Amino acid sequence: MESFRNRNEMVNIPLLILVIGLVFVQTTSAFACRLKIVLAMDISASVDAKEDQLQRQGMAKALLDEQVTSAFFASKDPVALAVIEWNGPTEQNIISNWRMVYDLSDLHHISTTISNSIRGSDLPKTAMGEALLFSKNLLDAGPNCAQSKIDLSADGSNNSGPSPFEIYSQYFPNDIQVN
């Protein structure tokens, strides 16, 4: 039961980071939004079916939490949000493509999409570097926002492809924050 409790807490940690980041982010009118963020969920084989559902339902519920919604709407400027799942080197799937969050109905739409999503696969590989690069490319294709963040959840160590440190040092400018 101890490991389940810890994994449950792990689901909440990235969302707390999201809350903190959203509250303090400012923007100017030159941008379409104040923040664009990719939420990237690990679906590798180390995440069993029960944990996968916990992760999806936890994220869906957390997006509608009062503290999270307050952070999203702390400014008149919107936030752009995309959600992916990932595991092996070629297994990254977009669950919810870029959506500008202007009001609660936008968060409800994303939350419902996550809650109703079905796991793409559960390959035994954990390719964090490839997930990070996929997320960065998704950021590049997204709207022009004042800040960019990736929140990558992982349940295990990188065991396939380049390490996330290699990818980060090679491809990431200083203005993209990775949690």
Foldseek 3Di string as FASTA:
>chain_A
DVVVVVLLVLLVVLLVVLLVVLQPFDFDPVFQAREEEEEEAEQAQLQDPVNLLSNLLVVLVSCLDPSNQCSQVVDQGWYWYWYWYDFALPDIGTQGATDTPRDPVSSNVSSVSSNPDDDPDHHNAGAPLSSLVVRVVSVVVDTGHNAYEYEHRDDDAHDHDDHVVVSCVPPPDPRYYYD
